[in-house]
Amino acid sequence: MRKWNDSAQMILIAGFAIGIGIVVLTVMLNNIIYASNTASEANIETNVFDFSNTVRVTTQAYEKAYCNGSINNAYISNYSQQMAKSYALSGFIYTLDNDPLQEPYLTENGLSSGNPEWVVVDRINQTDHFELVINTSSLGNESSCFAIEAFNQSGMFWSVRVFNSSGAFYANVTNSTDILRTENIGAGSPSLNIYNNTPFDFHFNTLTAGEQYRIRYVNGNQASGTFAISGNLTNGQPFEIRRYHVLNTTMSLNKNGHLEMNVTIPVTLPRGHI
């Protein structure tokens, strides 16, 4: 009888020991998992910071290197070397490559694959310069035409739509309800000076006078070319936006043989200010 009691006690003690062991093991595993997740999250945050910071300073470098329609390659080469030295202190290998300058599309990022419908500038009080040079070889037809639209709180109140019609190229000016003018703009790369009404009256100045509005591009993937627009915002601050070229630049960060970042972004030049 006593032997049976001793065995039962041993079984009970062993059960307690196993239970305590499971609890300890569970706590240890939870701590390991937590530490692993924390390290992983910290690494993600670092990568996000490296990515956003690299994109920002690299874009600024191209803006400074762009002059008179070309890139100062010596400036970019020196920038790339300085960045490589800076990242080397953290164990990263930094590389930078770029494609040649291209004529931009009138999309948000300047590429044919970019967002085709976008607000170029908002909260405008006055425009004092607005000019586009359109490459007619890339124009879509009337059903998918490139359009510039001015909006206020009531909606669209002015637009010009540029399109290809059986090999002839037209600009169609409208207000909120009517077609005000349709003109053949010629082939090649005609200049449309909307503010100075060249080569015809765009009705832009008269319709936007006294308005607070935004300017939007629609179907920007249906036209390529350059543009420049400037004026004043509703807060009294001046704005200027110019786009003459676009290039693709590829940035990469490598650490311990692992590719941490490899991204290609378009940079539109020059960039103006808002």
C-alpha atoms as a PDB file:
ATOM      1  CA  MET A   1       0.000   0.000   0.000  1.00  0.00           C
ATOM      2  CA  ARG A   2       2.800   2.354   0.897  1.00  0.00           C
ATOM      3  CA  LYS A   3       4.627   1.539  -2.336  1.00  0.00           C
ATOM      4  CA  TRP A   4       1.492   2.472  -4.319  1.00  0.00           C
ATOM      5  CA  ASN A   5       1.262   5.825  -2.460  1.00  0.00           C
ATOM      6  CA  ASP A   6       4.936   6.550  -3.192  1.00  0.00           C
ATOM      7  CA  SER A   7       4.372   5.839  -6.898  1.00  0.00           C
ATOM      8  CA  ALA A   8       1.335   8.112  -7.013  1.00  0.00           C
ATOM      9  CA  GLN A   9       3.284  10.918  -5.373  1.00  0.00           C
ATOM     10  CA  MET A  10       6.107  10.505  -7.882  1.00  0.00           C
ATOM     11  CA  ILE A  11       3.629  10.629 -10.746  1.00  0.00           C
ATOM     12  CA  LEU A  12       2.065  13.778  -9.281  1.00  0.00           C
ATOM     13  CA  ILE A  13       5.454  15.452  -8.794  1.00  0.00           C
ATOM     14  CA  ALA A  14       6.467  14.516 -12.352  1.00  0.00           C
ATOM     15  CA  GLY A  15       3.231  16.010 -13.653  1.00  0.00           C
ATOM     16  CA  PHE A  16       3.886  19.266 -11.837  1.00  0.00           C
ATOM     17  CA  ALA A  17       7.439  19.336 -13.193  1.00  0.00           C
ATOM     18  CA  ILE A  18       6.243  18.748 -16.752  1.00  0.00           C
ATOM     19  CA  GLY A  19       3.606  21.490 -16.363  1.00  0.00           C
ATOM     20  CA  ILE A  20       6.137  23.987 -15.039  1.00  0.00           C
ATOM     21  CA  GLY A  21       8.505  23.050 -17.863  1.00  0.00           C
ATOM     22  CA  ILE A  22       5.793  23.689 -20.469  1.00  0.00           C
ATOM     23  CA  VAL A  23       5.019  27.099 -18.956  1.00  0.00           C
ATOM     24  CA  VAL A  24       8.713  28.085 -18.936  1.00  0.00           C
ATOM     25  CA  LEU A  25       9.178  26.849 -22.506  1.00  0.00           C
ATOM     26  CA  THR A  26       6.086  28.783 -23.669  1.00  0.00           C
ATOM     27  CA  VAL A  27       7.336  32.011 -22.085  1.00  0.00           C
ATOM     28  CA  MET A  28      10.758  31.555 -23.645  1.00  0.00           C
ATOM     29  CA  LEU A  29       9.258  30.925 -27.109  1.00  0.00           C
ATOM     30  CA  ASN A  30       7.029  33.986 -26.804  1.00  0.00           C
ATOM     31  CA  ASN A  31      10.025  36.128 -25.917  1.00  0.00           C
ATOM     32  CA  ILE A  32      11.994  34.767 -28.889  1.00  0.00           C
ATOM     33  CA  ILE A  33       9.093  35.405 -31.275  1.00  0.00           C
ATOM     34  CA  TYR A  34       8.586  38.924 -29.884  1.00  0.00           C
ATOM     35  CA  ALA A  35      12.281  39.743 -30.221  1.00  0.00           C
ATOM     36  CA  SER A  36      12.318  38.376 -33.783  1.00  0.00           C
ATOM     37  CA  ASN A  37       9.258  40.405 -34.786  1.00  0.00           C
ATOM     38  CA  THR A  38      10.686  43.546 -33.212  1.00  0.00           C
ATOM     39  CA  ALA A  39      13.927  43.130 -35.123  1.00  0.00           C
ATOM     40  CA  SER A  40      12.037  42.482 -38.346  1.00  0.00           C
ATOM     41  CA  GLU A  41       9.852  45.569 -37.883  1.00  0.00           C
ATOM     42  CA  ALA A  42      12.886  47.683 -37.094  1.00  0.00           C
ATOM     43  CA  ASN A  43      14.520  46.436 -40.301  1.00  0.00           C
ATOM     44  CA  ILE A  44      11.397  47.302 -42.314  1.00  0.00           C
ATOM     45  CA  GLU A  45      11.287  50.802 -40.861  1.00  0.00           C
ATOM     46  CA  THR A  46      14.958  51.281 -41.691  1.00  0.00           C
ATOM     47  CA  ASN A  47      14.393  50.119 -45.266  1.00  0.00           C
ATOM     48  CA  VAL A  48      11.450  52.481 -45.659  1.00  0.00           C
ATOM     49  CA  PHE A  49      13.543  55.348 -44.316  1.00  0.00           C
ATOM     50  CA  ASP A  50      16.481  54.468 -46.581  1.00  0.00           C
ATOM     51  CA  PHE A  51      14.169  54.245 -49.579  1.00  0.00           C
ATOM     52  CA  SER A  52      12.324  57.543 -49.048  1.00  0.00           C
ATOM     53  CA  ASN A  53      15.473  59.436 -48.092  1.00  0.00           C
ATOM     54  CA  THR A  54      17.435  58.106 -51.071  1.00  0.00           C
ATOM     55  CA  VAL A  55      14.643  58.945 -53.519  1.00  0.00           C
ATOM     56  CA  ARG A  56      14.315  62.478 -52.161  1.00  0.00           C
ATOM     57  CA  VAL A  57      17.993  63.427 -52.214  1.00  0.00           C
ATOM     58  CA  THR A  58      18.590  61.730 -55.578  1.00  0.00           C
ATOM     59  CA  THR A  59      15.693  63.625 -57.164  1.00  0.00           C
ATOM     60  CA  GLN A  60      17.131  66.866 -55.788  1.00  0.00           C
ATOM     61  CA  ALA A  61      20.542  65.966 -57.240  1.00  0.00           C
ATOM     62  CA  TYR A  62      19.086  65.607 -60.742  1.00  0.00           C
ATOM     63  CA  GLU A  63      17.255  68.909 -60.365  1.00  0.00           C
ATOM     64  CA  LYS A  64      20.555  70.635 -59.554  1.00  0.00           C
ATOM     65  CA  ALA A  65      22.375  68.804 -62.361  1.00  0.00           C
ATOM     66  CA  TYR A  66      19.799  69.792 -64.999  1.00  0.00           C
ATOM     67  CA  CYS A  67      20.720  72.923 -66.938  1.00  0.00           C
ATOM     68  CA  ASN A  68      19.813  74.197 -70.411  1.00  0.00           C
ATOM     69  CA  GLY A  69      18.117  70.952 -71.398  1.00  0.00           C
ATOM     70  CA  SER A  70      20.916  68.581 -70.403  1.00  0.00           C
ATOM     71  CA  ILE A  71      22.308  66.749 -67.373  1.00  0.00           C
ATOM     72  CA  ASN A  72      25.690  67.678 -65.912  1.00  0.00           C
ATOM     73  CA  ASN A  73      27.069  64.124 -65.794  1.00  0.00           C
ATOM     74  CA  ALA A  74      30.092  65.190 -63.734  1.00  0.00           C
ATOM     75  CA  TYR A  75      27.748  66.473 -61.021  1.00  0.00           C
ATOM     76  CA  ILE A  76      25.771  63.205 -60.958  1.00  0.00           C
ATOM     77  CA  SER A  77      28.972  61.144 -60.918  1.00  0.00           C
ATOM     78  CA  ASN A  78      30.313  63.121 -57.963  1.00  0.00           C
ATOM     79  CA  TYR A  79      26.946  62.821 -56.182  1.00  0.00           C
ATOM     80  CA  SER A  80      26.941  59.045 -56.705  1.00  0.00           C
ATOM     81  CA  GLN A  81      30.472  58.744 -55.274  1.00  0.00           C
ATOM     82  CA  GLN A  82      29.585  60.811 -52.203  1.00  0.00           C
ATOM     83  CA  MET A  83      26.452  58.748 -51.599  1.00  0.00           C
ATOM     84  CA  ALA A  84      28.441  55.514 -51.910  1.00  0.00           C
ATOM     85  CA  LYS A  85      30.935  56.768 -49.299  1.00  0.00           C
ATOM     86  CA  SER A  86      28.138  57.862 -46.975  1.00  0.00           C
ATOM     87  CA  TYR A  87      26.287  54.531 -47.118  1.00  0.00           C
ATOM     88  CA  ALA A  88      29.540  52.555 -46.799  1.00  0.00           C
ATOM     89  CA  LEU A  89      29.772  53.739 -43.173  1.00  0.00           C
ATOM     90  CA  SER A  90      26.599  51.724 -42.496  1.00  0.00           C
ATOM     91  CA  GLY A  91      27.758  48.700 -44.466  1.00  0.00           C
ATOM     92  CA  PHE A  92      25.692  49.461 -47.588  1.00  0.00           C
ATOM     93  CA  ILE A  93      26.837  49.428 -51.198  1.00  0.00           C
ATOM     94  CA  TYR A  94      25.034  52.225 -53.082  1.00  0.00           C
ATOM     95  CA  THR A  95      24.775  52.359 -56.877  1.00  0.00           C
ATOM     96  CA  LEU A  96      23.044  54.820 -59.204  1.00  0.00           C
ATOM     97  CA  ASP A  97      22.259  54.492 -62.926  1.00  0.00           C
ATOM     98  CA  ASN A  98      20.079  56.571 -65.209  1.00  0.00           C
ATOM     99  CA  ASP A  99      18.657  56.433 -68.727  1.00  0.00           C
ATOM    100  CA  PRO A 100      18.997  59.332 -71.200  1.00  0.00           C
ATOM    101  CA  LEU A 101      16.631  62.309 -71.080  1.00  0.00           C
ATOM    102  CA  GLN A 102      13.352  61.701 -72.897  1.00  0.00           C
ATOM    103  CA  GLU A 103      10.447  63.815 -74.053  1.00  0.00           C
ATOM    104  CA  PRO A 104       7.819  63.462 -71.304  1.00  0.00           C
ATOM    105  CA  TYR A 105       4.244  62.384 -71.623  1.00  0.00           C
ATOM    106  CA  LEU A 106       1.663  64.641 -70.017  1.00  0.00           C
ATOM    107  CA  THR A 107       0.934  62.106 -67.263  1.00  0.00           C
ATOM    108  CA  GLU A 108       1.622  62.674 -63.582  1.00  0.00           C
ATOM    109  CA  ASN A 109       5.091  61.068 -63.619  1.00  0.00           C
ATOM    110  CA  GLY A 110       5.951  61.907 -67.224  1.00  0.00           C
ATOM    111  CA  LEU A 111       5.830  58.309 -68.518  1.00  0.00           C
ATOM    112  CA  SER A 112       3.281  56.839 -70.922  1.00  0.00           C
ATOM    113  CA  SER A 113       2.340  54.358 -68.177  1.00  0.00           C
ATOM    114  CA  GLY A 114       1.795  57.121 -65.584  1.00  0.00           C
ATOM    115  CA  ASN A 115      -1.453  58.367 -64.072  1.00  0.00           C
ATOM    116  CA  PRO A 116      -3.258  59.967 -67.057  1.00  0.00           C
ATOM    117  CA  GLU A 117      -5.696  62.115 -65.042  1.00  0.00           C
ATOM    118  CA  TRP A 118      -4.162  64.400 -62.440  1.00  0.00           C
ATOM    119  CA  VAL A 119      -4.335  67.890 -60.934  1.00  0.00           C
ATOM    120  CA  VAL A 120      -1.321  69.896 -62.091  1.00  0.00           C
ATOM    121  CA  VAL A 121      -1.910  72.767 -59.643  1.00  0.00           C
ATOM    122  CA  ASP A 122      -4.715  73.579 -57.194  1.00  0.00           C
ATOM    123  CA  ARG A 123      -6.056  76.724 -55.504  1.00  0.00           C
ATOM    124  CA  ILE A 124      -5.071  79.128 -58.306  1.00  0.00           C
ATOM    125  CA  ASN A 125      -5.973  82.784 -58.037  1.00  0.00           C
ATOM    126  CA  GLN A 126      -4.255  84.008 -61.214  1.00  0.00           C
ATOM    127  CA  THR A 127      -2.262  82.510 -64.073  1.00  0.00           C
ATOM    128  CA  ASP A 128       0.339  84.697 -65.799  1.00  0.00           C
ATOM    129  CA  HIS A 129       1.978  82.125 -68.105  1.00  0.00           C
ATOM    130  CA  PHE A 130       0.650  78.928 -69.673  1.00  0.00           C
ATOM    131  CA  GLU A 131       2.305  77.327 -72.688  1.00  0.00           C
ATOM    132  CA  LEU A 132       2.481  73.801 -74.123  1.00  0.00           C
ATOM    133  CA  VAL A 133       4.438  72.287 -76.992  1.00  0.00           C
ATOM    134  CA  ILE A 134       2.545  69.200 -78.159  1.00  0.00           C
ATOM    135  CA  ASN A 135       4.113  66.342 -80.110  1.00  0.00           C
ATOM    136  CA  THR A 136       1.302  65.531 -82.552  1.00  0.00           C
ATOM    137  CA  SER A 137       2.785  62.115 -83.392  1.00  0.00           C
ATOM    138  CA  SER A 138       1.592  60.826 -80.019  1.00  0.00           C
ATOM    139  CA  LEU A 139      -1.904  62.378 -80.029  1.00  0.00           C
ATOM    140  CA  GLY A 140      -4.922  60.138 -79.548  1.00  0.00           C
ATOM    141  CA  ASN A 141      -8.170  60.478 -81.466  1.00  0.00           C
ATOM    142  CA  GLU A 142     -11.127  62.608 -80.411  1.00  0.00           C
ATOM    143  CA  SER A 143     -12.763  59.900 -78.287  1.00  0.00           C
ATOM    144  CA  SER A 144      -9.636  59.582 -76.107  1.00  0.00           C
ATOM    145  CA  CYS A 145      -8.185  63.058 -76.585  1.00  0.00           C
ATOM    146  CA  PHE A 146      -5.766  64.847 -74.299  1.00  0.00           C
ATOM    147  CA  ALA A 147      -7.576  67.617 -72.406  1.00  0.00           C
ATOM    148  CA  ILE A 148      -6.677  70.501 -70.113  1.00  0.00           C
ATOM    149  CA  GLU A 149      -9.497  71.514 -67.795  1.00  0.00           C
ATOM    150  CA  ALA A 150     -10.063  74.380 -65.354  1.00  0.00           C
ATOM    151  CA  PHE A 151     -12.364  73.632 -62.406  1.00  0.00           C
ATOM    152  CA  ASN A 152     -13.920  75.734 -59.677  1.00  0.00           C
ATOM    153  CA  GLN A 153     -16.363  74.723 -56.938  1.00  0.00           C
ATOM    154  CA  SER A 154     -19.175  74.486 -59.482  1.00  0.00           C
ATOM    155  CA  GLY A 155     -17.266  72.192 -61.820  1.00  0.00           C
ATOM    156  CA  MET A 156     -15.425  72.444 -65.138  1.00  0.00           C
ATOM    157  CA  PHE A 157     -15.815  75.895 -66.718  1.00  0.00           C
ATOM    158  CA  TRP A 158     -13.030  75.891 -69.354  1.00  0.00           C
ATOM    159  CA  SER A 159     -11.170  73.267 -71.358  1.00  0.00           C
ATOM    160  CA  VAL A 160      -9.075  72.704 -74.453  1.00  0.00           C
ATOM    161  CA  ARG A 161      -9.084  69.262 -76.062  1.00  0.00           C
ATOM    162  CA  VAL A 162      -6.320  68.314 -78.482  1.00  0.00           C
ATOM    163  CA  PHE A 163      -6.737  65.338 -80.836  1.00  0.00           C
ATOM    164  CA  ASN A 164      -5.856  63.569 -84.055  1.00  0.00           C
ATOM    165  CA  SER A 165      -8.586  63.372 -86.700  1.00  0.00           C
ATOM    166  CA  SER A 166      -7.542  61.324 -89.737  1.00  0.00           C
ATOM    167  CA  GLY A 167      -4.024  62.747 -89.663  1.00  0.00           C
ATOM    168  CA  ALA A 168      -5.062  66.350 -88.982  1.00  0.00           C
ATOM    169  CA  PHE A 169      -4.604  67.836 -85.505  1.00  0.00           C
ATOM    170  CA  TYR A 170      -7.154  70.029 -83.779  1.00  0.00           C
ATOM    171  CA  ALA A 171      -7.674  72.004 -80.572  1.00  0.00           C
ATOM    172  CA  ASN A 172     -11.235  72.326 -79.353  1.00  0.00           C
ATOM    173  CA  VAL A 173     -11.951  75.074 -76.768  1.00  0.00           C
ATOM    174  CA  THR A 174     -15.100  74.819 -74.618  1.00  0.00           C
ATOM    175  CA  ASN A 175     -16.742  76.407 -71.603  1.00  0.00           C
ATOM    176  CA  SER A 176     -19.049  74.453 -69.314  1.00  0.00           C
ATOM    177  CA  THR A 177     -21.687  73.975 -72.022  1.00  0.00           C
ATOM    178  CA  ASP A 178     -20.520  75.108 -75.483  1.00  0.00           C
ATOM    179  CA  ILE A 179     -17.731  74.721 -78.020  1.00  0.00           C
ATOM    180  CA  LEU A 180     -16.148  78.171 -78.313  1.00  0.00           C
ATOM    181  CA  ARG A 181     -13.574  77.457 -80.994  1.00  0.00           C
ATOM    182  CA  THR A 182     -12.044  74.623 -83.039  1.00  0.00           C
ATOM    183  CA  GLU A 183      -8.720  75.156 -84.807  1.00  0.00           C
ATOM    184  CA  ASN A 184      -6.287  73.057 -86.830  1.00  0.00           C
ATOM    185  CA  ILE A 185      -2.993  73.381 -84.933  1.00  0.00           C
ATOM    186  CA  GLY A 186      -0.774  71.884 -87.655  1.00  0.00           C
ATOM    187  CA  ALA A 187       1.583  68.908 -87.487  1.00  0.00           C
ATOM    188  CA  GLY A 188       4.938  68.391 -85.798  1.00  0.00           C
ATOM    189  CA  SER A 189       5.332  70.125 -82.432  1.00  0.00           C
ATOM    190  CA  PRO A 190       3.042  73.164 -82.421  1.00  0.00           C
ATOM    191  CA  SER A 191       3.261  75.606 -79.527  1.00  0.00           C
ATOM    192  CA  LEU A 192       0.001  76.467 -77.789  1.00  0.00           C
ATOM    193  CA  ASN A 193       0.436  79.631 -75.744  1.00  0.00           C
ATOM    194  CA  ILE A 194      -2.828  79.567 -73.844  1.00  0.00           C
ATOM    195  CA  TYR A 195      -2.151  82.720 -71.829  1.00  0.00           C
ATOM    196  CA  ASN A 196      -1.026  84.868 -74.774  1.00  0.00           C
ATOM    197  CA  ASN A 197      -3.720  83.465 -77.116  1.00  0.00           C
ATOM    198  CA  THR A 198      -1.260  82.154 -79.700  1.00  0.00           C
ATOM    199  CA  PRO A 199      -1.962  80.909 -82.347  1.00  0.00           C
ATOM    200  CA  PHE A 200      -5.630  81.699 -81.566  1.00  0.00           C
ATOM    201  CA  ASP A 201      -7.920  82.881 -78.766  1.00  0.00           C
ATOM    202  CA  PHE A 202      -8.197  80.181 -76.089  1.00  0.00           C
ATOM    203  CA  HIS A 203     -10.703  82.229 -74.016  1.00  0.00           C
ATOM    204  CA  PHE A 204      -8.692  81.188 -70.952  1.00  0.00           C
ATOM    205  CA  ASN A 205      -7.976  84.643 -69.537  1.00  0.00           C
ATOM    206  CA  THR A 206     -11.553  85.878 -69.821  1.00  0.00           C
ATOM    207  CA  LEU A 207     -13.125  82.755 -68.327  1.00  0.00           C
ATOM    208  CA  THR A 208     -10.664  82.403 -65.419  1.00  0.00           C
ATOM    209  CA  ALA A 209     -10.683  86.106 -64.433  1.00  0.00           C
ATOM    210  CA  GLY A 210     -11.870  86.483 -60.836  1.00  0.00           C
ATOM    211  CA  GLU A 211     -12.074  82.699 -60.332  1.00  0.00           C
ATOM    212  CA  GLN A 212     -10.371  80.421 -57.809  1.00  0.00           C
ATOM    213  CA  TYR A 213      -9.667  77.195 -59.649  1.00  0.00           C
ATOM    214  CA  ARG A 214      -7.503  74.169 -60.331  1.00  0.00           C
ATOM    215  CA  ILE A 215      -5.967  72.913 -63.591  1.00  0.00           C
ATOM    216  CA  ARG A 216      -6.245  69.245 -64.467  1.00  0.00           C
ATOM    217  CA  TYR A 217      -4.816  67.111 -67.277  1.00  0.00           C
ATOM    218  CA  VAL A 218      -6.967  64.288 -68.648  1.00  0.00           C
ATOM    219  CA  ASN A 219      -5.696  61.439 -70.859  1.00  0.00           C
ATOM    220  CA  GLY A 220      -2.108  62.567 -70.405  1.00  0.00           C
ATOM    221  CA  ASN A 221      -0.989  59.237 -71.851  1.00  0.00           C
ATOM    222  CA  GLN A 222      -2.451  60.337 -75.202  1.00  0.00           C
ATOM    223  CA  ALA A 223       0.011  63.217 -75.676  1.00  0.00           C
ATOM    224  CA  SER A 224       3.686  63.944 -75.146  1.00  0.00           C
ATOM    225  CA  GLY A 225       5.400  67.286 -75.025  1.00  0.00           C
ATOM    226  CA  THR A 226       6.512  70.058 -72.696  1.00  0.00           C
ATOM    227  CA  PHE A 227       4.687  72.659 -70.649  1.00  0.00           C
ATOM    228  CA  ALA A 228       5.254  75.639 -68.388  1.00  0.00           C
ATOM    229  CA  ILE A 229       2.698  77.314 -66.156  1.00  0.00           C
ATOM    230  CA  SER A 230       3.058  80.004 -63.482  1.00  0.00           C
ATOM    231  CA  GLY A 231       0.955  82.430 -61.488  1.00  0.00           C
ATOM    232  CA  ASN A 232      -0.329  83.025 -57.963  1.00  0.00           C
ATOM    233  CA  LEU A 233      -2.167  80.778 -55.529  1.00  0.00           C
ATOM    234  CA  THR A 234      -5.157  81.832 -53.461  1.00  0.00           C
ATOM    235  CA  ASN A 235      -2.855  82.357 -50.448  1.00  0.00           C
ATOM    236  CA  GLY A 236      -0.890  84.965 -52.413  1.00  0.00           C
ATOM    237  CA  GLN A 237       2.163  82.753 -52.963  1.00  0.00           C
ATOM    238  CA  PRO A 238       3.605  82.448 -56.491  1.00  0.00           C
ATOM    239  CA  PHE A 239       3.870  79.073 -58.201  1.00  0.00           C
ATOM    240  CA  GLU A 240       5.809  77.821 -61.219  1.00  0.00           C
ATOM    241  CA  ILE A 241       5.716  74.377 -62.832  1.00  0.00           C
ATOM    242  CA  ARG A 242       7.850  73.443 -65.820  1.00  0.00           C
ATOM    243  CA  ARG A 243       8.403  70.079 -67.463  1.00  0.00           C
ATOM    244  CA  TYR A 244      10.763  69.674 -70.396  1.00  0.00           C
ATOM    245  CA  HIS A 245      12.280  66.208 -69.904  1.00  0.00           C
ATOM    246  CA  VAL A 246      11.912  62.984 -67.960  1.00  0.00           C
ATOM    247  CA  LEU A 247      14.476  60.298 -67.147  1.00  0.00           C
ATOM    248  CA  ASN A 248      14.435  56.958 -65.355  1.00  0.00           C
ATOM    249  CA  THR A 249      16.973  56.564 -62.573  1.00  0.00           C
ATOM    250  CA  THR A 250      17.721  53.278 -60.796  1.00  0.00           C
ATOM    251  CA  MET A 251      18.976  53.250 -57.202  1.00  0.00           C
ATOM    252  CA  SER A 252      20.103  50.167 -55.300  1.00  0.00           C
ATOM    253  CA  LEU A 253      21.332  49.419 -51.787  1.00  0.00           C
ATOM    254  CA  ASN A 254      23.171  46.167 -51.086  1.00  0.00           C
ATOM    255  CA  LYS A 255      24.261  44.942 -47.660  1.00  0.00           C
ATOM    256  CA  ASN A 256      26.143  41.738 -46.847  1.00  0.00           C
ATOM    257  CA  GLY A 257      25.313  40.329 -50.251  1.00  0.00           C
ATOM    258  CA  HIS A 258      21.574  40.987 -49.846  1.00  0.00           C
ATOM    259  CA  LEU A 259      19.786  43.472 -52.100  1.00  0.00           C
ATOM    260  CA  GLU A 260      17.967  45.761 -49.665  1.00  0.00           C
ATOM    261  CA  MET A 261      16.564  48.151 -52.273  1.00  0.00           C
ATOM    262  CA  ASN A 262      16.438  48.229 -56.062  1.00  0.00           C
ATOM    263  CA  VAL A 263      14.026  50.765 -57.504  1.00  0.00           C
ATOM    264  CA  THR A 264      13.630  52.679 -60.747  1.00  0.00           C
ATOM    265  CA  ILE A 265      11.769  55.992 -60.575  1.00  0.00           C
ATOM    266  CA  PRO A 266      10.992  58.672 -63.162  1.00  0.00           C
ATOM    267  CA  VAL A 267      12.318  62.177 -62.520  1.00  0.00           C
ATOM    268  CA  THR A 268      10.665  65.069 -64.397  1.00  0.00           C
ATOM    269  CA  LEU A 269      12.884  68.077 -65.125  1.00  0.00           C
ATOM    270  CA  PRO A 270      12.955  70.888 -64.319  1.00  0.00           C
ATOM    271  CA  ARG A 271      10.595  70.829 -61.367  1.00  0.00           C
ATOM    272  CA  GLY A 272       9.581  74.374 -60.441  1.00  0.00           C
ATOM    273  CA  HIS A 273       7.839  75.085 -57.131  1.00  0.00           C
ATOM    274  CA  ILE A 274       4.388  75.392 -55.582  1.00  0.00           C
END
